[in-house]
Every structure is written in C-alpha cells, then in structure tokens.
Amino acid sequence: MIKDIHKRYLKHRFRNPKLHKLNRIAIDEISIGKGQRYLTVVLGLQSGEVVFVGQGKGADALNPFFSRLKRSQGGVNKIKAVATDMSPAYTLAVATHLPGAIHVFDRFHVVKLYNEKLSDLRRDIHRSVETIEEKKLLKGTRWLLLKNPQNLDPDRNEQQRLDDALRINQPLATAYYMKEDLRCFWDQADKDVAEQFLDDWIGRAQVSGIAMLKQFAETLMLHRRGLLGWYDVPISTGPLEGTNNKIKTLQRQAYGYRDLEYFTWRIYGLYEAKYALTG
C-alpha cells in the first residue's frame, strides 16, 4: 500500500519532465540485473536531473524521448551538445534526431575502450612467451598497465614491476606508452593543436606494426569529429556516471525491484533525494 501511494506521488511529480530548459545532455545505459536487462538514462547536464528513462538500450530506447522533445517548446533545436560513448547506436540516434547538436564522445569511455584492448594484448603476449622468467614478469601486471603512473604504489614496488614487464616486450611497452600519450589529447591548448596531436597519434599507431594499435587508430579516425567536439563544448558523461552509481545504490538498498515502473519513477526522483547520517 505504501509503495502504491509513493508510486502515485512520483508519477504525478515527474511524469512531465521540464524539457524546454534542456541545452546539454548526456546519454548512457545501465544494467539493472541479470538477463541483459538495461535502462537508458538521459541526464540534463545543467541541472543534473534525469529527464528520461527508457526501457532497454540502443537507439530504439531513445525514440520516446526524442518524440517528447520535438513536442516541447523549442523542439530539438534547443539541444546544443550531447555527450555519449562511441556506440554506433548513439551516434546514429544523435545524427538522426539532433543534427544541429555537437556530439561529444566521452573521454572516460575512450580510455576505457583502449584499456580493454591493452588488457587483451597483455593476455595474448603472456600466452605466447616461452620462458618461465618472462611469464613470471608479465603475471599480475594487468592492473599496473591500467593504473595512472602517479597512482603506482612505491611500497609494493609497482613501478619496478611495471618497468621489468615493459622491458622484456617491445609491443607491450609501445602500447602502454601510447595509452599514456592518448590521455594527453584532452589537455591540449586548443582545438587546432588537439587536431594535430590526434593526427600524430593515429599516424604513429598505424606504423607501429601492432595490430591492436592499428585497429584502435581506425576507431579514432571514424570518431574524429566527436573527439574534437570536446574542444567546442567540454562536456562528458561523468555526471551521468555518478547518477548511475546512485541508481545501483538505490537498487541494492531495496534488494532489487519487482515493479520496474516504480523503480523508474524512483530514478526520476533521485535528483531531489537527500542523504544524511542519522543516529
């Protein structure tokens, strides 16, 4: 009974999100349980409010949002910038429904994708080396490769272990240092300098002779415009990642939700939720 009362209140309170004030948005999906169950969340980056929660993931999950946006005051033209990952579905959806918006690919997802490729390369190299000494040096280095250099723990001798692993394998060392170089892309002085930096990075990756780097260079070339878009509008999906963490906490606190509609309305209400220590 209490749940039904709360559900009716949330539905009345949030059934008509204020879309006319939207200017910059972030889009991402979140897994809500086993069986490939997803929700697609749209966040207003200026207010921090969840303005849409769609069932499933991909372009189809966003269709109700774009339909509602077209009917709102100002229509789709008021959206000036969109932050997403490099998903083809989001790229197509933004190009189709928001052609006038600047599409920015989130830096966190770009680096995350590179780290996944780097982990695969390390695993392949570990399988291919023949000597016990090389296998020993490479064992347990995955997280060392993914860590930022400034976060390596001197008390655990992590820098020396990383240096030893890179010393015995040139392809792994090249891929690692290219990763550190790629992180500097978002710290350039302006868009022109960033464009030169990106071209240089792609060129070095293409002539490296390492298949993983060549493939990633092609990925960056395909998403070049969205990467450089960060220098037009420096936004990311970071605030939405924080909201997704709140959604996961909300789900854990309730040990899951049987009523998905109620869960959805609670997500809309997260922006107004207050967290305080008691007792």
C-alpha atoms as a PDB file:
ATOM      1  CA  MET A   1       0.000   0.000   0.000  1.00  0.00           C
ATOM      2  CA  ILE A   2       2.805   2.406   0.931  1.00  0.00           C
ATOM      3  CA  LYS A   3       4.609   1.577  -2.296  1.00  0.00           C
ATOM      4  CA  ASP A   4       1.484   2.298  -4.345  1.00  0.00           C
ATOM      5  CA  ILE A   5       0.992   5.644  -2.592  1.00  0.00           C
ATOM      6  CA  HIS A   6       4.611   6.597  -3.208  1.00  0.00           C
ATOM      7  CA  LYS A   7       4.386   5.423  -6.811  1.00  0.00           C
ATOM      8  CA  ARG A   8       1.336   7.610  -7.482  1.00  0.00           C
ATOM      9  CA  TYR A   9       3.098  10.601  -5.954  1.00  0.00           C
ATOM     10  CA  LEU A  10       6.269  10.090  -8.020  1.00  0.00           C
ATOM     11  CA  LYS A  11       4.244   9.616 -11.199  1.00  0.00           C
ATOM     12  CA  HIS A  12       2.317  12.835 -10.575  1.00  0.00           C
ATOM     13  CA  ARG A  13       5.511  14.697  -9.670  1.00  0.00           C
ATOM     14  CA  PHE A  14       7.753  13.580 -12.540  1.00  0.00           C
ATOM     15  CA  ARG A  15       5.517  12.470 -15.401  1.00  0.00           C
ATOM     16  CA  ASN A  16       6.177  15.729 -17.287  1.00  0.00           C
ATOM     17  CA  PRO A  17       9.929  16.471 -17.036  1.00  0.00           C
ATOM     18  CA  LYS A  18      10.861  20.038 -17.936  1.00  0.00           C
ATOM     19  CA  LEU A  19      12.455  19.626 -21.342  1.00  0.00           C
ATOM     20  CA  HIS A  20      12.214  23.241 -22.520  1.00  0.00           C
ATOM     21  CA  LYS A  21      15.225  24.199 -20.366  1.00  0.00           C
ATOM     22  CA  LEU A  22      17.485  21.477 -21.753  1.00  0.00           C
ATOM     23  CA  ASN A  23      20.616  22.648 -23.506  1.00  0.00           C
ATOM     24  CA  ARG A  24      23.253  19.985 -22.915  1.00  0.00           C
ATOM     25  CA  ILE A  25      22.506  16.331 -22.217  1.00  0.00           C
ATOM     26  CA  ALA A  26      24.339  13.071 -21.521  1.00  0.00           C
ATOM     27  CA  ILE A  27      23.099   9.637 -22.579  1.00  0.00           C
ATOM     28  CA  ASP A  28      24.177   6.230 -21.270  1.00  0.00           C
ATOM     29  CA  GLU A  29      22.713   2.847 -20.389  1.00  0.00           C
ATOM     30  CA  ILE A  30      22.869   0.978 -17.110  1.00  0.00           C
ATOM     31  CA  SER A  31      22.491  -2.734 -16.384  1.00  0.00           C
ATOM     32  CA  ILE A  32      19.776  -3.380 -13.819  1.00  0.00           C
ATOM     33  CA  GLY A  33      20.117  -7.119 -13.359  1.00  0.00           C
ATOM     34  CA  LYS A  34      20.769 -10.483 -14.899  1.00  0.00           C
ATOM     35  CA  GLY A  35      19.454 -11.469 -18.295  1.00  0.00           C
ATOM     36  CA  GLN A  36      20.758  -8.425 -20.178  1.00  0.00           C
ATOM     37  CA  ARG A  37      18.236  -6.039 -18.613  1.00  0.00           C
ATOM     38  CA  TYR A  38      19.092  -2.415 -19.297  1.00  0.00           C
ATOM     39  CA  LEU A  39      17.731   1.077 -18.838  1.00  0.00           C
ATOM     40  CA  THR A  40      18.781   4.035 -20.996  1.00  0.00           C
ATOM     41  CA  VAL A  41      19.123   7.244 -18.983  1.00  0.00           C
ATOM     42  CA  VAL A  42      19.196  10.846 -20.266  1.00  0.00           C
ATOM     43  CA  LEU A  43      20.566  13.482 -17.900  1.00  0.00           C
ATOM     44  CA  GLY A  44      20.324  17.264 -18.168  1.00  0.00           C
ATOM     45  CA  LEU A  45      23.915  18.381 -17.605  1.00  0.00           C
ATOM     46  CA  GLN A  46      22.980  21.874 -16.471  1.00  0.00           C
ATOM     47  CA  SER A  47      20.517  20.838 -13.773  1.00  0.00           C
ATOM     48  CA  GLY A  48      21.739  17.312 -13.020  1.00  0.00           C
ATOM     49  CA  GLU A  49      18.175  15.971 -13.324  1.00  0.00           C
ATOM     50  CA  VAL A  50      17.186  12.725 -15.006  1.00  0.00           C
ATOM     51  CA  VAL A  51      14.842  13.773 -17.812  1.00  0.00           C
ATOM     52  CA  PHE A  52      14.211  10.383 -19.400  1.00  0.00           C
ATOM     53  CA  VAL A  53      14.448   6.693 -18.528  1.00  0.00           C
ATOM     54  CA  GLY A  54      13.936   4.262 -21.415  1.00  0.00           C
ATOM     55  CA  GLN A  55      13.468   0.508 -21.360  1.00  0.00           C
ATOM     56  CA  GLY A  56      16.335  -1.429 -22.947  1.00  0.00           C
ATOM     57  CA  LYS A  57      19.335   0.101 -24.673  1.00  0.00           C
ATOM     58  CA  GLY A  58      20.270   1.462 -28.073  1.00  0.00           C
ATOM     59  CA  ALA A  59      18.558   3.870 -30.437  1.00  0.00           C
ATOM     60  CA  ASP A  60      15.064   2.380 -30.064  1.00  0.00           C
ATOM     61  CA  ALA A  61      15.054   3.034 -26.312  1.00  0.00           C
ATOM     62  CA  LEU A  62      15.511   6.755 -27.033  1.00  0.00           C
ATOM     63  CA  ASN A  63      12.638   7.148 -29.517  1.00  0.00           C
ATOM     64  CA  PRO A  64      10.050   8.169 -26.864  1.00  0.00           C
ATOM     65  CA  PHE A  65      12.455  10.827 -25.560  1.00  0.00           C
ATOM     66  CA  PHE A  66      13.024  12.362 -28.985  1.00  0.00           C
ATOM     67  CA  SER A  67       9.274  12.319 -29.701  1.00  0.00           C
ATOM     68  CA  ARG A  68       8.581  14.153 -26.462  1.00  0.00           C
ATOM     69  CA  LEU A  69      11.443  16.564 -27.124  1.00  0.00           C
ATOM     70  CA  LYS A  70      10.044  17.502 -30.552  1.00  0.00           C
ATOM     71  CA  ARG A  71       6.702  18.392 -28.951  1.00  0.00           C
ATOM     72  CA  SER A  72       8.308  20.573 -26.266  1.00  0.00           C
ATOM     73  CA  GLN A  73       8.895  24.306 -26.532  1.00  0.00           C
ATOM     74  CA  GLY A  74      11.814  24.914 -28.874  1.00  0.00           C
ATOM     75  CA  GLY A  75      11.899  21.326 -30.088  1.00  0.00           C
ATOM     76  CA  VAL A  76      15.137  19.517 -30.800  1.00  0.00           C
ATOM     77  CA  ASN A  77      16.891  22.728 -31.875  1.00  0.00           C
ATOM     78  CA  LYS A  78      17.464  23.794 -28.279  1.00  0.00           C
ATOM     79  CA  ILE A  79      19.836  20.878 -27.651  1.00  0.00           C
ATOM     80  CA  LYS A  80      23.290  22.286 -28.372  1.00  0.00           C
ATOM     81  CA  ALA A  81      25.509  19.417 -27.225  1.00  0.00           C
ATOM     82  CA  VAL A  82      25.247  15.694 -26.411  1.00  0.00           C
ATOM     83  CA  ALA A  83      27.770  13.523 -24.547  1.00  0.00           C
ATOM     84  CA  THR A  84      27.763   9.740 -25.113  1.00  0.00           C
ATOM     85  CA  ASP A  85      30.153   6.847 -25.540  1.00  0.00           C
ATOM     86  CA  MET A  86      31.239   5.760 -29.023  1.00  0.00           C
ATOM     87  CA  SER A  87      28.326   3.360 -29.512  1.00  0.00           C
ATOM     88  CA  PRO A  88      27.158   3.231 -33.160  1.00  0.00           C
ATOM     89  CA  ALA A  89      23.563   3.243 -31.908  1.00  0.00           C
ATOM     90  CA  TYR A  90      24.016   6.557 -30.091  1.00  0.00           C
ATOM     91  CA  THR A  91      25.958   8.032 -32.996  1.00  0.00           C
ATOM     92  CA  LEU A  92      23.097   7.207 -35.370  1.00  0.00           C
ATOM     93  CA  ALA A  93      20.408   8.396 -32.949  1.00  0.00           C
ATOM     94  CA  VAL A  94      22.073  11.775 -32.360  1.00  0.00           C
ATOM     95  CA  ALA A  95      22.781  12.297 -36.073  1.00  0.00           C
ATOM     96  CA  THR A  96      19.163  11.458 -36.938  1.00  0.00           C
ATOM     97  CA  HIS A  97      17.271  13.343 -34.238  1.00  0.00           C
ATOM     98  CA  LEU A  98      19.701  16.086 -33.184  1.00  0.00           C
ATOM     99  CA  PRO A  99      21.574  17.025 -36.368  1.00  0.00           C
ATOM    100  CA  GLY A 100      22.342  20.528 -35.105  1.00  0.00           C
ATOM    101  CA  ALA A 101      23.894  19.400 -31.818  1.00  0.00           C
ATOM    102  CA  ILE A 102      27.604  18.937 -31.162  1.00  0.00           C
ATOM    103  CA  HIS A 103      28.184  15.260 -30.401  1.00  0.00           C
ATOM    104  CA  VAL A 104      30.990  14.775 -27.867  1.00  0.00           C
ATOM    105  CA  PHE A 105      32.452  11.328 -27.208  1.00  0.00           C
ATOM    106  CA  ASP A 106      33.178  10.896 -23.529  1.00  0.00           C
ATOM    107  CA  ARG A 107      36.880  10.727 -22.683  1.00  0.00           C
ATOM    108  CA  PHE A 108      36.362   8.137 -19.941  1.00  0.00           C
ATOM    109  CA  HIS A 109      34.805   5.674 -22.381  1.00  0.00           C
ATOM    110  CA  VAL A 110      37.555   6.243 -24.951  1.00  0.00           C
ATOM    111  CA  VAL A 111      40.292   5.461 -22.417  1.00  0.00           C
ATOM    112  CA  LYS A 112      38.271   2.556 -21.038  1.00  0.00           C
ATOM    113  CA  LEU A 113      37.992   1.024 -24.512  1.00  0.00           C
ATOM    114  CA  TYR A 114      41.746   1.412 -25.017  1.00  0.00           C
ATOM    115  CA  ASN A 115      42.419  -0.234 -21.648  1.00  0.00           C
ATOM    116  CA  GLU A 116      40.280  -3.204 -22.649  1.00  0.00           C
ATOM    117  CA  LYS A 117      42.322  -3.606 -25.831  1.00  0.00           C
ATOM    118  CA  LEU A 118      45.561  -3.243 -23.848  1.00  0.00           C
ATOM    119  CA  SER A 119      44.443  -5.960 -21.411  1.00  0.00           C
ATOM    120  CA  ASP A 120      43.716  -8.287 -24.338  1.00  0.00           C
ATOM    121  CA  LEU A 121      47.170  -7.578 -25.793  1.00  0.00           C
ATOM    122  CA  ARG A 122      48.879  -8.354 -22.484  1.00  0.00           C
ATOM    123  CA  ARG A 123      46.956 -11.631 -22.187  1.00  0.00           C
ATOM    124  CA  ASP A 124      47.897 -12.668 -25.730  1.00  0.00           C
ATOM    125  CA  ILE A 125      51.549 -11.835 -25.093  1.00  0.00           C
ATOM    126  CA  HIS A 126      51.520 -13.757 -21.801  1.00  0.00           C
ATOM    127  CA  ARG A 127      50.246 -16.826 -23.647  1.00  0.00           C
ATOM    128  CA  SER A 128      52.822 -16.537 -26.399  1.00  0.00           C
ATOM    129  CA  VAL A 129      56.031 -16.060 -24.381  1.00  0.00           C
ATOM    130  CA  GLU A 130      58.069 -19.210 -23.960  1.00  0.00           C
ATOM    131  CA  THR A 131      60.371 -18.700 -20.975  1.00  0.00           C
ATOM    132  CA  ILE A 132      59.254 -19.073 -17.382  1.00  0.00           C
ATOM    133  CA  GLU A 133      61.036 -15.840 -16.459  1.00  0.00           C
ATOM    134  CA  GLU A 134      59.038 -13.821 -18.998  1.00  0.00           C
ATOM    135  CA  LYS A 135      55.760 -15.364 -17.868  1.00  0.00           C
ATOM    136  CA  LYS A 136      56.643 -14.548 -14.256  1.00  0.00           C
ATOM    137  CA  LEU A 137      57.409 -10.923 -15.075  1.00  0.00           C
ATOM    138  CA  LEU A 138      54.158 -10.487 -17.016  1.00  0.00           C
ATOM    139  CA  LYS A 139      51.984 -12.251 -14.440  1.00  0.00           C
ATOM    140  CA  GLY A 140      49.886  -9.885 -12.356  1.00  0.00           C
ATOM    141  CA  THR A 141      50.758  -6.785 -14.384  1.00  0.00           C
ATOM    142  CA  ARG A 142      47.297  -6.132 -15.817  1.00  0.00           C
ATOM    143  CA  TRP A 143      46.303  -3.560 -13.198  1.00  0.00           C
ATOM    144  CA  LEU A 144      49.754  -1.986 -13.306  1.00  0.00           C
ATOM    145  CA  LEU A 145      49.274  -1.315 -17.015  1.00  0.00           C
ATOM    146  CA  LEU A 146      45.864   0.260 -16.420  1.00  0.00           C
ATOM    147  CA  LYS A 147      46.860   2.430 -13.468  1.00  0.00           C
ATOM    148  CA  ASN A 148      47.865   6.043 -13.924  1.00  0.00           C
ATOM    149  CA  PRO A 149      51.647   6.331 -13.316  1.00  0.00           C
ATOM    150  CA  GLN A 150      51.137   8.685 -10.371  1.00  0.00           C
ATOM    151  CA  ASN A 151      48.961   6.062  -8.654  1.00  0.00           C
ATOM    152  CA  LEU A 152      51.564   3.291  -8.657  1.00  0.00           C
ATOM    153  CA  ASP A 153      52.309   2.212  -5.085  1.00  0.00           C
ATOM    154  CA  PRO A 154      56.011   2.592  -4.182  1.00  0.00           C
ATOM    155  CA  ASP A 155      55.586   0.444  -1.059  1.00  0.00           C
ATOM    156  CA  ARG A 156      54.595  -2.503  -3.266  1.00  0.00           C
ATOM    157  CA  ASN A 157      57.353  -1.848  -5.790  1.00  0.00           C
ATOM    158  CA  GLU A 158      54.752  -1.456  -8.565  1.00  0.00           C
ATOM    159  CA  GLN A 159      56.828   0.908 -10.717  1.00  0.00           C
ATOM    160  CA  GLN A 160      59.758  -1.524 -10.841  1.00  0.00           C
ATOM    161  CA  ARG A 161      57.474  -4.468 -11.639  1.00  0.00           C
ATOM    162  CA  LEU A 162      55.898  -2.482 -14.484  1.00  0.00           C
ATOM    163  CA  ASP A 163      59.281  -1.422 -15.842  1.00  0.00           C
ATOM    164  CA  ASP A 164      60.515  -5.024 -15.832  1.00  0.00           C
ATOM    165  CA  ALA A 165      57.434  -6.230 -17.717  1.00  0.00           C
ATOM    166  CA  LEU A 166      57.740  -3.481 -20.341  1.00  0.00           C
ATOM    167  CA  ARG A 167      61.474  -4.058 -20.749  1.00  0.00           C
ATOM    168  CA  ILE A 168      61.067  -7.649 -21.959  1.00  0.00           C
ATOM    169  CA  ASN A 169      58.349  -6.956 -24.535  1.00  0.00           C
ATOM    170  CA  GLN A 170      58.525  -4.081 -27.004  1.00  0.00           C
ATOM    171  CA  PRO A 171      54.925  -4.299 -28.389  1.00  0.00           C
ATOM    172  CA  LEU A 172      53.511  -4.150 -24.859  1.00  0.00           C
ATOM    173  CA  ALA A 173      55.750  -1.211 -23.989  1.00  0.00           C
ATOM    174  CA  THR A 174      54.738   0.658 -27.144  1.00  0.00           C
ATOM    175  CA  ALA A 175      51.025   0.100 -26.470  1.00  0.00           C
ATOM    176  CA  TYR A 176      51.425   1.219 -22.847  1.00  0.00           C
ATOM    177  CA  TYR A 177      53.239   4.459 -23.668  1.00  0.00           C
ATOM    178  CA  MET A 178      50.759   5.176 -26.463  1.00  0.00           C
ATOM    179  CA  LYS A 179      47.997   4.877 -23.851  1.00  0.00           C
ATOM    180  CA  GLU A 180      49.684   7.442 -21.634  1.00  0.00           C
ATOM    181  CA  ASP A 181      50.146   9.697 -24.649  1.00  0.00           C
ATOM    182  CA  LEU A 182      46.483   9.385 -25.643  1.00  0.00           C
ATOM    183  CA  ARG A 183      45.383  10.677 -22.229  1.00  0.00           C
ATOM    184  CA  CYS A 184      47.093  13.973 -23.084  1.00  0.00           C
ATOM    185  CA  PHE A 185      44.713  14.546 -26.009  1.00  0.00           C
ATOM    186  CA  TRP A 186      42.183  16.276 -23.727  1.00  0.00           C
ATOM    187  CA  ASP A 187      44.815  18.614 -22.266  1.00  0.00           C
ATOM    188  CA  GLN A 188      45.830  20.466 -25.424  1.00  0.00           C
ATOM    189  CA  ALA A 189      45.797  24.257 -25.666  1.00  0.00           C
ATOM    190  CA  ASP A 190      43.048  24.499 -28.300  1.00  0.00           C
ATOM    191  CA  LYS A 191      41.208  22.563 -30.988  1.00  0.00           C
ATOM    192  CA  ASP A 192      43.816  23.121 -33.718  1.00  0.00           C
ATOM    193  CA  VAL A 193      46.618  21.800 -31.517  1.00  0.00           C
ATOM    194  CA  ALA A 194      44.413  18.870 -30.457  1.00  0.00           C
ATOM    195  CA  GLU A 195      43.711  18.025 -34.096  1.00  0.00           C
ATOM    196  CA  GLN A 196      47.431  17.926 -34.846  1.00  0.00           C
ATOM    197  CA  PHE A 197      48.006  15.800 -31.743  1.00  0.00           C
ATOM    198  CA  LEU A 198      45.296  13.330 -32.798  1.00  0.00           C
ATOM    199  CA  ASP A 199      46.655  13.061 -36.340  1.00  0.00           C
ATOM    200  CA  ASP A 200      50.150  12.432 -34.973  1.00  0.00           C
ATOM    201  CA  TRP A 201      48.896   9.748 -32.562  1.00  0.00           C
ATOM    202  CA  ILE A 202      46.922   7.981 -35.296  1.00  0.00           C
ATOM    203  CA  GLY A 203      49.931   8.137 -37.642  1.00  0.00           C
ATOM    204  CA  ARG A 204      52.262   6.596 -35.058  1.00  0.00           C
ATOM    205  CA  ALA A 205      49.730   3.870 -34.268  1.00  0.00           C
ATOM    206  CA  GLN A 206      49.325   2.974 -37.932  1.00  0.00           C
ATOM    207  CA  VAL A 207      53.092   2.487 -38.477  1.00  0.00           C
ATOM    208  CA  SER A 208      53.680   0.710 -35.150  1.00  0.00           C
ATOM    209  CA  GLY A 209      53.253  -2.747 -36.655  1.00  0.00           C
ATOM    210  CA  ILE A 210      50.957  -3.697 -33.737  1.00  0.00           C
ATOM    211  CA  ALA A 211      47.519  -4.897 -34.868  1.00  0.00           C
ATOM    212  CA  MET A 212      45.788  -3.656 -31.721  1.00  0.00           C
ATOM    213  CA  LEU A 213      47.105  -0.112 -32.238  1.00  0.00           C
ATOM    214  CA  LYS A 214      46.199  -0.116 -35.931  1.00  0.00           C
ATOM    215  CA  GLN A 215      42.621  -1.145 -35.128  1.00  0.00           C
ATOM    216  CA  PHE A 216      42.289   1.495 -32.443  1.00  0.00           C
ATOM    217  CA  ALA A 217      43.663   4.137 -34.808  1.00  0.00           C
ATOM    218  CA  GLU A 218      40.868   3.256 -37.247  1.00  0.00           C
ATOM    219  CA  THR A 219      38.345   3.617 -34.429  1.00  0.00           C
ATOM    220  CA  LEU A 220      39.634   7.095 -33.590  1.00  0.00           C
ATOM    221  CA  MET A 221      39.555   8.112 -37.253  1.00  0.00           C
ATOM    222  CA  LEU A 222      35.897   7.078 -37.509  1.00  0.00           C
ATOM    223  CA  HIS A 223      35.055   9.082 -34.369  1.00  0.00           C
ATOM    224  CA  ARG A 224      37.355  12.013 -35.053  1.00  0.00           C
ATOM    225  CA  ARG A 225      34.639  14.651 -35.143  1.00  0.00           C
ATOM    226  CA  GLY A 226      33.153  13.621 -31.800  1.00  0.00           C
ATOM    227  CA  LEU A 227      36.562  13.511 -30.150  1.00  0.00           C
ATOM    228  CA  LEU A 228      37.436  17.015 -31.308  1.00  0.00           C
ATOM    229  CA  GLY A 229      33.952  18.169 -30.295  1.00  0.00           C
ATOM    230  CA  TRP A 230      35.203  18.264 -26.703  1.00  0.00           C
ATOM    231  CA  TYR A 231      37.131  21.414 -27.598  1.00  0.00           C
ATOM    232  CA  ASP A 232      33.904  23.063 -28.773  1.00  0.00           C
ATOM    233  CA  VAL A 233      31.876  22.008 -25.730  1.00  0.00           C
ATOM    234  CA  PRO A 234      33.916  20.397 -22.917  1.00  0.00           C
ATOM    235  CA  ILE A 235      31.254  18.049 -21.538  1.00  0.00           C
ATOM    236  CA  SER A 236      31.301  14.393 -20.575  1.00  0.00           C
ATOM    237  CA  THR A 237      29.050  11.662 -19.223  1.00  0.00           C
ATOM    238  CA  GLY A 238      30.771  11.973 -15.829  1.00  0.00           C
ATOM    239  CA  PRO A 239      27.720  13.441 -14.031  1.00  0.00           C
ATOM    240  CA  LEU A 240      25.595  10.648 -15.509  1.00  0.00           C
ATOM    241  CA  GLU A 241      28.083   8.037 -14.268  1.00  0.00           C
ATOM    242  CA  GLY A 242      27.541   9.477 -10.798  1.00  0.00           C
ATOM    243  CA  THR A 243      23.772   9.193 -11.238  1.00  0.00           C
ATOM    244  CA  ASN A 244      24.166   5.593 -12.416  1.00  0.00           C
ATOM    245  CA  ASN A 245      26.041   4.831  -9.199  1.00  0.00           C
ATOM    246  CA  LYS A 246      23.119   6.289  -7.243  1.00  0.00           C
ATOM    247  CA  ILE A 247      20.741   4.079  -9.245  1.00  0.00           C
ATOM    248  CA  LYS A 248      22.777   0.992  -8.342  1.00  0.00           C
ATOM    249  CA  THR A 249      22.771   2.042  -4.682  1.00  0.00           C
ATOM    250  CA  LEU A 250      19.015   2.562  -4.831  1.00  0.00           C
ATOM    251  CA  GLN A 251      18.617  -0.937  -6.248  1.00  0.00           C
ATOM    252  CA  ARG A 252      20.877  -2.537  -3.628  1.00  0.00           C
ATOM    253  CA  GLN A 253      19.112  -0.808  -0.748  1.00  0.00           C
ATOM    254  CA  ALA A 254      15.813  -2.361  -1.831  1.00  0.00           C
ATOM    255  CA  TYR A 255      17.418  -5.730  -2.739  1.00  0.00           C
ATOM    256  CA  GLY A 256      16.002  -5.229  -6.227  1.00  0.00           C
ATOM    257  CA  TYR A 257      12.629  -4.058  -7.563  1.00  0.00           C
ATOM    258  CA  ARG A 258       9.881  -6.316  -8.839  1.00  0.00           C
ATOM    259  CA  ASP A 259       7.874  -3.320 -10.032  1.00  0.00           C
ATOM    260  CA  LEU A 260      10.064  -1.861 -12.820  1.00  0.00           C
ATOM    261  CA  GLU A 261       7.705   1.093 -13.312  1.00  0.00           C
ATOM    262  CA  TYR A 262       8.057   2.070  -9.653  1.00  0.00           C
ATOM    263  CA  PHE A 263      11.846   1.723  -9.932  1.00  0.00           C
ATOM    264  CA  THR A 264      11.790   4.020 -12.966  1.00  0.00           C
ATOM    265  CA  TRP A 265       9.845   6.723 -11.144  1.00  0.00           C
ATOM    266  CA  ARG A 266      12.245   6.482  -8.221  1.00  0.00           C
ATOM    267  CA  ILE A 267      15.125   7.159 -10.617  1.00  0.00           C
ATOM    268  CA  TYR A 268      13.402  10.370 -11.704  1.00  0.00           C
ATOM    269  CA  GLY A 269      13.250  11.363  -8.037  1.00  0.00           C
ATOM    270  CA  LEU A 270      16.947  10.786  -7.348  1.00  0.00           C
ATOM    271  CA  TYR A 271      17.814  14.421  -8.016  1.00  0.00           C
ATOM    272  CA  GLU A 272      15.736  15.512  -5.019  1.00  0.00           C
ATOM    273  CA  ALA A 273      16.833  12.661  -2.747  1.00  0.00           C
ATOM    274  CA  LYS A 274      18.660  13.681   0.401  1.00  0.00           C
ATOM    275  CA  TYR A 275      21.285  11.520   2.050  1.00  0.00           C
ATOM    276  CA  ALA A 276      22.041  12.117   5.723  1.00  0.00           C
ATOM    277  CA  LEU A 277      23.593  10.160   8.568  1.00  0.00           C
ATOM    278  CA  THR A 278      21.244   9.532  11.467  1.00  0.00           C
ATOM    279  CA  GLY A 279      21.641   8.117  14.960  1.00  0.00           C
END
